[in-house]
Amino acid sequence: MNATDDDPGRKDAQDPVQGEPSQPAPGDGNAAEAGQDLLSRVRRAEEAAEEQRNAYLRAAAELENVRKRAAREVESARQYGAEGLASGLLPVLDSLELGLASAEKADAATLLEGQRATLRLLLKALEAAGITEIDPAGLPFDPERHEAMAMQPSAEHAPDTVVAVVQKGYLLNGRLLRPARVLVARAPDA
C-alpha cells in the first residue's frame, strides 16, 4: 500500500458525488485524454441542446398551426353555422310563396290546410336546428322559463299555475332562447 492510498484528500478515479471520472491533477499524463473527453462531452451537450431547440421549434410551429386551424374553423362556423337552419327554412319559404300565389283562387279550407302544412314544415325545421317550443299551459309557473304577464284569480287552477299562454317560449339545445309569456293563477278574491 502506498502513502497516497490512505490519503483522505486524494480523489479516487471515480468522483463519489458525480459518479464520473474526476479531473486529472495538473501535470498528470492524462491531460490530453481528459481534454478530449471534455470536448466530447461538450459536443454531446451541444447536440442535445440542438435537438431540444429543434423539438421546441417544431412544437411551436405545430401550436401555431393548431391556432390558425381553430381560428379558420371558428370563422367558418360563424359564417356558415346557420346553413342547416337556412336549408330547413327554404321549404317553408317555398310553401308560403305557393300559398300567396294561390290565395286568390283557393277557398278558405284549402288556405287553412296550406297554413297548417307550412307551420308543420317550420316546426320541423326549427326542431332540426335544436329549437324546441315551451308551451306551459296547466303547468306550475317556472320563473326560469316563464315570464308572468299578469296574475289572475282562479278557482279552477291551483295558485302559481299557468292559466294561459300569451306567447310561447323557445329553447335552443336546452338553453332558454325566449321565455314563455304567461298568465298565472292566484287564489280567488275572498
N, C-alpha and C. Protein backbone atom coordinates (compact mmCIF):
# COMPACT_ATOMS: atom_id res chain seq x y z
N MET A 1 0.84 -1.16 0.00
CA MET A 1 0.00 0.00 0.00
C MET A 1 0.88 1.22 0.00
N ASN A 2 0.54 2.22 -0.83
CA ASN A 2 1.42 3.37 -0.79
C ASN A 2 0.76 4.51 -0.06
N ALA A 3 1.47 5.55 0.19
CA ALA A 3 1.03 6.63 1.07
C ALA A 3 -0.16 7.36 0.52
N THR A 4 -0.32 7.39 -0.78
CA THR A 4 -1.43 8.14 -1.35
C THR A 4 -2.74 7.37 -1.28
N ASP A 5 -2.66 6.06 -1.04
CA ASP A 5 -3.88 5.26 -0.99
C ASP A 5 -4.73 5.61 0.22
N ASP A 6 -4.12 5.91 1.38
CA ASP A 6 -4.97 6.25 2.50
C ASP A 6 -5.05 7.74 2.74
N ASP A 7 -4.65 8.52 1.80
CA ASP A 7 -4.74 9.98 1.93
C ASP A 7 -6.20 10.37 1.73
N PRO A 8 -6.89 10.94 2.75
CA PRO A 8 -8.30 11.30 2.59
C PRO A 8 -8.50 12.45 1.61
N GLY A 9 -7.52 13.26 1.34
CA GLY A 9 -7.66 14.38 0.41
C GLY A 9 -7.55 13.95 -1.04
N ARG A 10 -7.09 12.74 -1.29
CA ARG A 10 -6.91 12.28 -2.66
C ARG A 10 -8.26 11.81 -3.22
N LYS A 11 -8.54 12.18 -4.45
CA LYS A 11 -9.77 11.72 -5.10
C LYS A 11 -9.48 10.40 -5.77
N ASP A 12 -10.47 9.51 -5.69
CA ASP A 12 -10.33 8.23 -6.39
C ASP A 12 -10.57 8.46 -7.87
N ALA A 13 -10.48 7.41 -8.63
CA ALA A 13 -10.71 7.50 -10.07
C ALA A 13 -12.16 7.90 -10.34
N GLN A 14 -13.06 7.60 -9.44
CA GLN A 14 -14.47 7.98 -9.58
C GLN A 14 -14.78 9.07 -8.56
N ASP A 15 -15.44 10.13 -8.98
CA ASP A 15 -15.90 11.19 -8.08
C ASP A 15 -17.15 10.66 -7.39
N PRO A 16 -17.16 10.52 -6.05
CA PRO A 16 -18.30 9.92 -5.38
C PRO A 16 -19.57 10.76 -5.51
N VAL A 17 -19.48 12.04 -5.74
CA VAL A 17 -20.66 12.89 -5.83
C VAL A 17 -21.28 12.80 -7.21
N GLN A 18 -20.46 12.88 -8.24
CA GLN A 18 -21.00 12.93 -9.59
C GLN A 18 -20.98 11.59 -10.29
N GLY A 19 -20.23 10.65 -9.85
CA GLY A 19 -20.18 9.35 -10.47
C GLY A 19 -19.43 9.36 -11.78
N GLU A 20 -18.68 10.38 -12.07
CA GLU A 20 -17.91 10.45 -13.31
C GLU A 20 -16.44 10.54 -12.96
N PRO A 21 -15.57 10.22 -13.90
CA PRO A 21 -14.13 10.31 -13.62
C PRO A 21 -13.78 11.73 -13.21
N SER A 22 -12.92 11.83 -12.20
CA SER A 22 -12.51 13.15 -11.72
C SER A 22 -11.50 13.75 -12.67
N GLN A 23 -11.35 15.05 -12.59
CA GLN A 23 -10.38 15.75 -13.43
C GLN A 23 -8.97 15.36 -12.99
N PRO A 24 -8.10 15.11 -13.94
CA PRO A 24 -6.73 14.76 -13.57
C PRO A 24 -6.03 15.96 -12.95
N ALA A 25 -5.13 15.68 -12.06
CA ALA A 25 -4.35 16.74 -11.43
C ALA A 25 -3.41 17.32 -12.46
N PRO A 26 -3.12 18.63 -12.36
CA PRO A 26 -2.19 19.22 -13.32
C PRO A 26 -0.87 18.47 -13.30
N GLY A 27 -0.36 18.27 -14.46
CA GLY A 27 0.91 17.58 -14.58
C GLY A 27 0.72 16.09 -14.81
N ASP A 28 -0.52 15.56 -14.69
CA ASP A 28 -0.76 14.16 -14.97
C ASP A 28 -0.54 13.90 -16.44
N GLY A 29 -0.28 12.70 -16.82
CA GLY A 29 -0.06 12.33 -18.20
C GLY A 29 -1.37 12.21 -18.96
N ASN A 30 -2.48 12.23 -18.25
CA ASN A 30 -3.78 12.04 -18.89
C ASN A 30 -4.43 13.37 -19.26
N ALA A 31 -3.76 14.46 -19.25
CA ALA A 31 -4.36 15.78 -19.51
C ALA A 31 -4.92 15.85 -20.92
N ALA A 32 -4.23 15.33 -21.89
CA ALA A 32 -4.72 15.37 -23.27
C ALA A 32 -5.96 14.51 -23.41
N GLU A 33 -5.93 13.36 -22.77
CA GLU A 33 -7.08 12.45 -22.82
C GLU A 33 -8.28 13.10 -22.13
N ALA A 34 -8.05 13.76 -21.02
CA ALA A 34 -9.12 14.44 -20.30
C ALA A 34 -9.69 15.59 -21.13
N GLY A 35 -8.83 16.29 -21.83
CA GLY A 35 -9.28 17.38 -22.70
C GLY A 35 -10.17 16.85 -23.81
N GLN A 36 -9.78 15.71 -24.39
CA GLN A 36 -10.59 15.09 -25.44
C GLN A 36 -11.95 14.66 -24.88
N ASP A 37 -11.94 14.11 -23.67
CA ASP A 37 -13.17 13.67 -23.03
C ASP A 37 -14.08 14.87 -22.77
N LEU A 38 -13.52 15.96 -22.32
CA LEU A 38 -14.28 17.17 -22.06
C LEU A 38 -14.87 17.72 -23.35
N LEU A 39 -14.07 17.74 -24.42
CA LEU A 39 -14.58 18.19 -25.72
C LEU A 39 -15.71 17.29 -26.21
N SER A 40 -15.55 16.00 -26.01
CA SER A 40 -16.57 15.05 -26.42
C SER A 40 -17.88 15.31 -25.67
N ARG A 41 -17.77 15.55 -24.37
CA ARG A 41 -18.97 15.82 -23.57
C ARG A 41 -19.60 17.14 -23.98
N VAL A 42 -18.82 18.14 -24.29
CA VAL A 42 -19.34 19.44 -24.75
C VAL A 42 -20.09 19.25 -26.06
N ARG A 43 -19.48 18.46 -27.00
CA ARG A 43 -20.14 18.22 -28.28
C ARG A 43 -21.48 17.51 -28.08
N ARG A 44 -21.50 16.50 -27.21
CA ARG A 44 -22.75 15.78 -26.94
C ARG A 44 -23.79 16.73 -26.33
N ALA A 45 -23.36 17.58 -25.43
CA ALA A 45 -24.28 18.55 -24.82
C ALA A 45 -24.81 19.53 -25.86
N GLU A 46 -23.94 19.97 -26.77
CA GLU A 46 -24.37 20.89 -27.84
C GLU A 46 -25.35 20.19 -28.78
N GLU A 47 -25.11 18.91 -29.10
CA GLU A 47 -26.02 18.16 -29.96
C GLU A 47 -27.38 17.99 -29.28
N ALA A 48 -27.34 17.66 -27.98
CA ALA A 48 -28.59 17.52 -27.24
C ALA A 48 -29.34 18.85 -27.18
N ALA A 49 -28.62 19.94 -26.99
CA ALA A 49 -29.25 21.27 -26.95
C ALA A 49 -29.86 21.59 -28.31
N GLU A 50 -29.19 21.24 -29.38
CA GLU A 50 -29.70 21.49 -30.74
C GLU A 50 -30.96 20.65 -30.99
N GLU A 51 -30.94 19.39 -30.54
CA GLU A 51 -32.12 18.54 -30.67
C GLU A 51 -33.30 19.14 -29.91
N GLN A 52 -33.05 19.61 -28.69
CA GLN A 52 -34.10 20.23 -27.89
C GLN A 52 -34.63 21.50 -28.55
N ARG A 53 -33.74 22.28 -29.11
CA ARG A 53 -34.14 23.52 -29.80
C ARG A 53 -35.02 23.19 -31.00
N ASN A 54 -34.62 22.17 -31.77
CA ASN A 54 -35.41 21.76 -32.93
C ASN A 54 -36.79 21.23 -32.51
N ALA A 55 -36.80 20.44 -31.43
CA ALA A 55 -38.07 19.94 -30.92
C ALA A 55 -38.97 21.10 -30.48
N TYR A 56 -38.39 22.08 -29.82
CA TYR A 56 -39.15 23.26 -29.39
C TYR A 56 -39.72 24.00 -30.61
N LEU A 57 -38.88 24.20 -31.64
CA LEU A 57 -39.34 24.91 -32.84
C LEU A 57 -40.47 24.14 -33.53
N ARG A 58 -40.35 22.81 -33.60
CA ARG A 58 -41.42 22.01 -34.20
C ARG A 58 -42.70 22.13 -33.39
N ALA A 59 -42.59 22.06 -32.07
CA ALA A 59 -43.77 22.17 -31.20
C ALA A 59 -44.41 23.56 -31.34
N ALA A 60 -43.59 24.59 -31.40
CA ALA A 60 -44.12 25.96 -31.55
C ALA A 60 -44.82 26.11 -32.89
N ALA A 61 -44.25 25.54 -33.94
CA ALA A 61 -44.87 25.62 -35.27
C ALA A 61 -46.19 24.85 -35.28
N GLU A 62 -46.21 23.68 -34.65
CA GLU A 62 -47.44 22.89 -34.59
C GLU A 62 -48.51 23.63 -33.81
N LEU A 63 -48.14 24.26 -32.71
CA LEU A 63 -49.09 25.03 -31.92
C LEU A 63 -49.66 26.19 -32.74
N GLU A 64 -48.82 26.85 -33.48
CA GLU A 64 -49.29 27.96 -34.34
C GLU A 64 -50.24 27.44 -35.42
N ASN A 65 -49.93 26.27 -35.98
CA ASN A 65 -50.82 25.67 -36.99
C ASN A 65 -52.18 25.32 -36.39
N VAL A 66 -52.17 24.77 -35.18
CA VAL A 66 -53.42 24.43 -34.50
C VAL A 66 -54.22 25.70 -34.22
N ARG A 67 -53.55 26.74 -33.77
CA ARG A 67 -54.24 28.01 -33.50
C ARG A 67 -54.88 28.57 -34.77
N LYS A 68 -54.13 28.55 -35.89
CA LYS A 68 -54.67 29.06 -37.16
C LYS A 68 -55.84 28.21 -37.65
N ARG A 69 -55.72 26.88 -37.51
CA ARG A 69 -56.78 25.98 -37.94
C ARG A 69 -58.04 26.24 -37.11
N ALA A 70 -57.88 26.41 -35.81
CA ALA A 70 -59.03 26.67 -34.94
C ALA A 70 -59.68 28.01 -35.30
N ALA A 71 -58.87 29.01 -35.59
CA ALA A 71 -59.42 30.32 -35.98
C ALA A 71 -60.21 30.20 -37.29
N ARG A 72 -59.69 29.41 -38.24
CA ARG A 72 -60.42 29.20 -39.50
C ARG A 72 -61.74 28.49 -39.26
N GLU A 73 -61.72 27.48 -38.37
CA GLU A 73 -62.95 26.74 -38.08
C GLU A 73 -63.98 27.61 -37.38
N VAL A 74 -63.53 28.46 -36.47
CA VAL A 74 -64.46 29.37 -35.78
C VAL A 74 -65.06 30.35 -36.79
N GLU A 75 -64.24 30.88 -37.66
CA GLU A 75 -64.74 31.81 -38.68
C GLU A 75 -65.73 31.11 -39.62
N SER A 76 -65.42 29.90 -40.00
CA SER A 76 -66.31 29.13 -40.87
C SER A 76 -67.64 28.85 -40.16
N ALA A 77 -67.57 28.49 -38.89
CA ALA A 77 -68.79 28.23 -38.12
C ALA A 77 -69.62 29.51 -37.99
N ARG A 78 -68.95 30.62 -37.82
CA ARG A 78 -69.66 31.90 -37.71
C ARG A 78 -70.37 32.23 -39.03
N GLN A 79 -69.67 32.02 -40.14
CA GLN A 79 -70.24 32.36 -41.45
C GLN A 79 -71.31 31.39 -41.89
N TYR A 80 -71.08 30.10 -41.64
CA TYR A 80 -71.97 29.09 -42.21
C TYR A 80 -72.72 28.28 -41.15
N GLY A 81 -72.70 28.73 -39.91
CA GLY A 81 -73.35 28.00 -38.83
C GLY A 81 -74.86 27.87 -39.00
N ALA A 82 -75.47 28.82 -39.64
CA ALA A 82 -76.92 28.80 -39.82
C ALA A 82 -77.32 28.06 -41.09
N GLU A 83 -76.36 27.42 -41.75
CA GLU A 83 -76.65 26.74 -43.01
C GLU A 83 -77.73 25.68 -42.84
N GLY A 84 -77.66 24.89 -41.77
CA GLY A 84 -78.66 23.85 -41.54
C GLY A 84 -80.04 24.44 -41.34
N LEU A 85 -80.11 25.50 -40.52
CA LEU A 85 -81.40 26.15 -40.29
C LEU A 85 -81.93 26.76 -41.58
N ALA A 86 -81.05 27.42 -42.33
CA ALA A 86 -81.47 28.04 -43.59
C ALA A 86 -81.99 26.99 -44.57
N SER A 87 -81.32 25.85 -44.65
CA SER A 87 -81.77 24.77 -45.54
C SER A 87 -83.14 24.27 -45.12
N GLY A 88 -83.37 24.19 -43.81
CA GLY A 88 -84.67 23.74 -43.31
C GLY A 88 -85.77 24.76 -43.53
N LEU A 89 -85.40 26.05 -43.57
CA LEU A 89 -86.41 27.10 -43.76
C LEU A 89 -86.79 27.33 -45.22
N LEU A 90 -85.95 26.91 -46.14
CA LEU A 90 -86.27 27.12 -47.56
C LEU A 90 -87.58 26.45 -47.98
N PRO A 91 -87.87 25.21 -47.56
CA PRO A 91 -89.19 24.65 -47.91
C PRO A 91 -90.35 25.45 -47.30
N VAL A 92 -90.15 26.04 -46.14
CA VAL A 92 -91.19 26.88 -45.53
C VAL A 92 -91.43 28.10 -46.41
N LEU A 93 -90.34 28.71 -46.86
CA LEU A 93 -90.45 29.86 -47.76
C LEU A 93 -91.18 29.48 -49.04
N ASP A 94 -90.82 28.34 -49.62
CA ASP A 94 -91.49 27.87 -50.84
C ASP A 94 -92.98 27.69 -50.60
N SER A 95 -93.33 27.10 -49.46
CA SER A 95 -94.73 26.86 -49.14
C SER A 95 -95.50 28.17 -48.97
N LEU A 96 -94.87 29.14 -48.30
CA LEU A 96 -95.52 30.45 -48.14
C LEU A 96 -95.74 31.14 -49.49
N GLU A 97 -94.74 31.09 -50.34
CA GLU A 97 -94.87 31.71 -51.67
C GLU A 97 -95.96 31.04 -52.48
N LEU A 98 -96.03 29.71 -52.41
CA LEU A 98 -97.07 28.97 -53.12
C LEU A 98 -98.45 29.34 -52.59
N GLY A 99 -98.56 29.45 -51.26
CA GLY A 99 -99.83 29.83 -50.65
C GLY A 99 -100.28 31.22 -51.07
N LEU A 100 -99.34 32.15 -51.11
CA LEU A 100 -99.69 33.52 -51.54
C LEU A 100 -100.09 33.55 -53.01
N ALA A 101 -99.41 32.77 -53.82
CA ALA A 101 -99.72 32.75 -55.25
C ALA A 101 -101.10 32.16 -55.51
N SER A 102 -101.50 31.20 -54.71
CA SER A 102 -102.80 30.55 -54.94
C SER A 102 -103.90 31.10 -54.05
N ALA A 103 -103.62 32.12 -53.26
CA ALA A 103 -104.59 32.65 -52.30
C ALA A 103 -105.84 33.21 -52.97
N GLU A 104 -105.72 33.81 -54.12
CA GLU A 104 -106.89 34.42 -54.77
C GLU A 104 -107.85 33.37 -55.32
N LYS A 105 -107.32 32.23 -55.71
CA LYS A 105 -108.18 31.21 -56.34
C LYS A 105 -108.66 30.14 -55.36
N ALA A 106 -108.01 30.02 -54.21
CA ALA A 106 -108.31 28.92 -53.29
C ALA A 106 -109.42 29.30 -52.32
N ASP A 107 -110.13 28.27 -51.84
CA ASP A 107 -111.16 28.51 -50.84
C ASP A 107 -110.52 28.55 -49.44
N ALA A 108 -111.27 28.94 -48.46
CA ALA A 108 -110.76 29.13 -47.10
C ALA A 108 -110.22 27.83 -46.51
N ALA A 109 -110.88 26.71 -46.75
CA ALA A 109 -110.45 25.42 -46.20
C ALA A 109 -109.08 25.02 -46.78
N THR A 110 -108.89 25.25 -48.06
CA THR A 110 -107.61 24.92 -48.71
C THR A 110 -106.50 25.81 -48.16
N LEU A 111 -106.79 27.10 -48.00
CA LEU A 111 -105.80 28.03 -47.42
C LEU A 111 -105.43 27.63 -46.00
N LEU A 112 -106.43 27.25 -45.20
CA LEU A 112 -106.18 26.84 -43.83
C LEU A 112 -105.30 25.59 -43.79
N GLU A 113 -105.57 24.62 -44.64
CA GLU A 113 -104.75 23.40 -44.68
C GLU A 113 -103.34 23.74 -45.14
N GLY A 114 -103.19 24.67 -46.08
CA GLY A 114 -101.87 25.10 -46.54
C GLY A 114 -101.08 25.77 -45.42
N GLN A 115 -101.76 26.59 -44.62
CA GLN A 115 -101.09 27.23 -43.49
C GLN A 115 -100.65 26.21 -42.45
N ARG A 116 -101.48 25.21 -42.20
CA ARG A 116 -101.12 24.16 -41.25
C ARG A 116 -99.90 23.37 -41.75
N ALA A 117 -99.88 23.08 -43.03
CA ALA A 117 -98.74 22.34 -43.61
C ALA A 117 -97.47 23.18 -43.51
N THR A 118 -97.59 24.48 -43.76
CA THR A 118 -96.43 25.38 -43.66
C THR A 118 -95.93 25.44 -42.22
N LEU A 119 -96.85 25.51 -41.27
CA LEU A 119 -96.47 25.53 -39.86
C LEU A 119 -95.74 24.24 -39.48
N ARG A 120 -96.23 23.10 -39.96
CA ARG A 120 -95.55 21.82 -39.68
C ARG A 120 -94.13 21.83 -40.25
N LEU A 121 -93.96 22.35 -41.46
CA LEU A 121 -92.62 22.46 -42.06
C LEU A 121 -91.72 23.34 -41.21
N LEU A 122 -92.26 24.46 -40.75
CA LEU A 122 -91.46 25.39 -39.93
C LEU A 122 -91.06 24.74 -38.61
N LEU A 123 -91.99 24.09 -37.94
CA LEU A 123 -91.67 23.42 -36.67
C LEU A 123 -90.64 22.32 -36.87
N LYS A 124 -90.74 21.59 -37.98
CA LYS A 124 -89.77 20.53 -38.28
C LYS A 124 -88.38 21.14 -38.50
N ALA A 125 -88.29 22.27 -39.21
CA ALA A 125 -87.01 22.93 -39.46
C ALA A 125 -86.40 23.45 -38.16
N LEU A 126 -87.23 24.03 -37.31
CA LEU A 126 -86.75 24.53 -36.02
C LEU A 126 -86.26 23.39 -35.13
N GLU A 127 -87.02 22.30 -35.12
CA GLU A 127 -86.62 21.14 -34.31
C GLU A 127 -85.28 20.57 -34.80
N ALA A 128 -85.09 20.52 -36.10
CA ALA A 128 -83.82 20.03 -36.66
C ALA A 128 -82.66 20.93 -36.26
N ALA A 129 -82.94 22.22 -36.03
CA ALA A 129 -81.90 23.17 -35.62
C ALA A 129 -81.73 23.19 -34.10
N GLY A 130 -82.48 22.36 -33.37
CA GLY A 130 -82.33 22.29 -31.91
C GLY A 130 -83.22 23.26 -31.17
N ILE A 131 -84.20 23.84 -31.87
CA ILE A 131 -85.11 24.80 -31.23
C ILE A 131 -86.40 24.07 -30.88
N THR A 132 -86.73 24.08 -29.58
CA THR A 132 -87.95 23.43 -29.12
C THR A 132 -88.86 24.44 -28.44
N GLU A 133 -90.13 24.13 -28.49
CA GLU A 133 -91.18 25.03 -28.01
C GLU A 133 -91.43 24.83 -26.52
N ILE A 134 -91.73 25.93 -25.83
CA ILE A 134 -92.17 25.86 -24.42
C ILE A 134 -93.64 26.29 -24.41
N ASP A 135 -94.52 25.34 -24.11
CA ASP A 135 -95.96 25.63 -24.01
C ASP A 135 -96.41 25.13 -22.64
N PRO A 136 -96.32 25.97 -21.60
CA PRO A 136 -96.52 25.51 -20.23
C PRO A 136 -97.95 25.57 -19.71
N ALA A 137 -98.95 25.62 -20.57
CA ALA A 137 -100.34 25.73 -20.11
C ALA A 137 -100.67 24.60 -19.14
N GLY A 138 -101.19 24.96 -17.95
CA GLY A 138 -101.58 23.99 -16.94
C GLY A 138 -100.44 23.52 -16.04
N LEU A 139 -99.22 23.93 -16.31
CA LEU A 139 -98.06 23.53 -15.51
C LEU A 139 -97.75 24.57 -14.45
N PRO A 140 -96.99 24.20 -13.43
CA PRO A 140 -96.59 25.20 -12.42
C PRO A 140 -95.72 26.30 -13.05
N PHE A 141 -95.88 27.51 -12.57
CA PHE A 141 -95.08 28.64 -13.05
C PHE A 141 -93.61 28.43 -12.71
N ASP A 142 -92.74 28.60 -13.71
CA ASP A 142 -91.29 28.44 -13.53
C ASP A 142 -90.63 29.76 -13.96
N PRO A 143 -90.17 30.57 -13.00
CA PRO A 143 -89.60 31.87 -13.36
C PRO A 143 -88.33 31.75 -14.22
N GLU A 144 -87.72 30.56 -14.27
CA GLU A 144 -86.54 30.36 -15.12
C GLU A 144 -86.91 30.26 -16.59
N ARG A 145 -88.15 29.84 -16.88
CA ARG A 145 -88.57 29.62 -18.26
C ARG A 145 -89.81 30.41 -18.66
N HIS A 146 -90.47 31.01 -17.69
CA HIS A 146 -91.72 31.72 -17.98
C HIS A 146 -91.61 33.18 -17.51
N GLU A 147 -92.33 34.02 -18.21
CA GLU A 147 -92.44 35.44 -17.82
C GLU A 147 -93.91 35.70 -17.51
N ALA A 148 -94.20 36.04 -16.27
CA ALA A 148 -95.58 36.28 -15.86
C ALA A 148 -96.02 37.65 -16.37
N MET A 149 -97.09 37.66 -17.17
CA MET A 149 -97.63 38.91 -17.69
C MET A 149 -98.64 39.50 -16.70
N ALA A 150 -99.35 38.60 -16.01
CA ALA A 150 -100.34 39.05 -15.02
C ALA A 150 -100.72 37.87 -14.12
N MET A 151 -101.24 38.20 -12.95
CA MET A 151 -101.79 37.19 -12.05
C MET A 151 -103.31 37.27 -12.20
N GLN A 152 -103.94 36.11 -12.24
CA GLN A 152 -105.37 36.06 -12.47
C GLN A 152 -106.03 35.20 -11.38
N PRO A 153 -107.05 35.73 -10.71
CA PRO A 153 -107.71 34.90 -9.71
C PRO A 153 -108.39 33.71 -10.39
N SER A 154 -108.24 32.52 -9.80
CA SER A 154 -108.83 31.34 -10.42
C SER A 154 -109.20 30.33 -9.35
N ALA A 155 -110.46 29.86 -9.43
CA ALA A 155 -110.92 28.81 -8.53
C ALA A 155 -110.63 27.45 -9.15
N GLU A 156 -110.44 27.41 -10.46
CA GLU A 156 -110.22 26.15 -11.19
C GLU A 156 -108.78 25.67 -11.13
N HIS A 157 -107.84 26.59 -11.00
CA HIS A 157 -106.41 26.24 -11.04
C HIS A 157 -105.75 26.50 -9.69
N ALA A 158 -104.78 25.69 -9.36
CA ALA A 158 -104.01 25.90 -8.13
C ALA A 158 -103.20 27.19 -8.26
N PRO A 159 -102.96 27.88 -7.14
CA PRO A 159 -102.15 29.09 -7.22
C PRO A 159 -100.77 28.78 -7.82
N ASP A 160 -100.23 29.75 -8.54
CA ASP A 160 -98.93 29.65 -9.21
C ASP A 160 -98.92 28.62 -10.34
N THR A 161 -100.07 28.40 -10.95
CA THR A 161 -100.16 27.53 -12.12
C THR A 161 -100.41 28.41 -13.34
N VAL A 162 -99.85 28.02 -14.47
CA VAL A 162 -100.04 28.78 -15.71
C VAL A 162 -101.46 28.53 -16.20
N VAL A 163 -102.23 29.63 -16.28
CA VAL A 163 -103.62 29.56 -16.72
C VAL A 163 -103.69 29.65 -18.24
N ALA A 164 -102.92 30.55 -18.82
CA ALA A 164 -102.94 30.74 -20.28
C ALA A 164 -101.56 31.16 -20.75
N VAL A 165 -101.28 30.81 -21.99
CA VAL A 165 -100.01 31.19 -22.61
C VAL A 165 -100.30 32.32 -23.59
N VAL A 166 -99.71 33.48 -23.34
CA VAL A 166 -99.88 34.64 -24.21
C VAL A 166 -98.95 34.49 -25.42
N GLN A 167 -97.73 34.03 -25.18
CA GLN A 167 -96.75 33.83 -26.25
C GLN A 167 -95.85 32.66 -25.85
N LYS A 168 -95.73 31.68 -26.74
CA LYS A 168 -94.90 30.51 -26.44
C LYS A 168 -93.45 30.91 -26.32
N GLY A 169 -92.73 30.13 -25.51
CA GLY A 169 -91.29 30.34 -25.37
C GLY A 169 -90.54 29.29 -26.17
N TYR A 170 -89.22 29.47 -26.27
CA TYR A 170 -88.41 28.53 -27.06
C TYR A 170 -87.07 28.29 -26.38
N LEU A 171 -86.58 27.06 -26.54
CA LEU A 171 -85.26 26.65 -26.07
C LEU A 171 -84.40 26.34 -27.29
N LEU A 172 -83.13 26.68 -27.18
CA LEU A 172 -82.16 26.32 -28.22
C LEU A 172 -81.18 25.34 -27.59
N ASN A 173 -81.32 24.06 -27.96
CA ASN A 173 -80.50 22.99 -27.40
C ASN A 173 -80.50 23.03 -25.87
N GLY A 174 -81.68 23.21 -25.29
CA GLY A 174 -81.83 23.20 -23.84
C GLY A 174 -81.59 24.54 -23.16
N ARG A 175 -81.12 25.51 -23.90
CA ARG A 175 -80.84 26.84 -23.34
C ARG A 175 -81.99 27.79 -23.71
N LEU A 176 -82.43 28.60 -22.76
CA LEU A 176 -83.58 29.47 -22.99
C LEU A 176 -83.27 30.49 -24.09
N LEU A 177 -84.09 30.46 -25.12
CA LEU A 177 -83.98 31.42 -26.21
C LEU A 177 -84.95 32.58 -25.98
N ARG A 178 -86.17 32.22 -25.58
CA ARG A 178 -87.18 33.23 -25.25
C ARG A 178 -88.13 32.61 -24.23
N PRO A 179 -88.39 33.32 -23.12
CA PRO A 179 -89.31 32.76 -22.12
C PRO A 179 -90.75 32.78 -22.64
N ALA A 180 -91.55 31.85 -22.15
CA ALA A 180 -92.97 31.85 -22.48
C ALA A 180 -93.64 32.95 -21.66
N ARG A 181 -94.46 33.74 -22.29
CA ARG A 181 -95.20 34.80 -21.58
C ARG A 181 -96.54 34.22 -21.20
N VAL A 182 -96.84 34.29 -19.91
CA VAL A 182 -97.98 33.54 -19.39
C VAL A 182 -98.82 34.37 -18.42
N LEU A 183 -100.05 33.89 -18.21
CA LEU A 183 -100.92 34.38 -17.15
C LEU A 183 -100.89 33.33 -16.05
N VAL A 184 -100.72 33.78 -14.81
CA VAL A 184 -100.52 32.85 -13.69
C VAL A 184 -101.72 32.95 -12.75
N ALA A 185 -102.16 31.78 -12.26
CA ALA A 185 -103.30 31.72 -11.34
C ALA A 185 -102.89 32.16 -9.94
N ARG A 186 -103.82 32.82 -9.28
CA ARG A 186 -103.64 33.13 -7.86
C ARG A 186 -104.95 32.76 -7.17
N ALA A 187 -104.93 32.72 -5.87
CA ALA A 187 -106.13 32.36 -5.12
C ALA A 187 -107.23 33.38 -5.41
N PRO A 188 -108.47 32.91 -5.51
CA PRO A 188 -109.57 33.86 -5.79
C PRO A 188 -109.75 34.86 -4.66
N ASP A 189 -110.26 36.02 -5.02
CA ASP A 189 -110.50 37.07 -4.04
C ASP A 189 -111.60 36.61 -3.09
N ALA A 190 -111.48 36.92 -1.83
CA ALA A 190 -112.47 36.48 -0.84
C ALA A 190 -113.66 37.38 -0.78
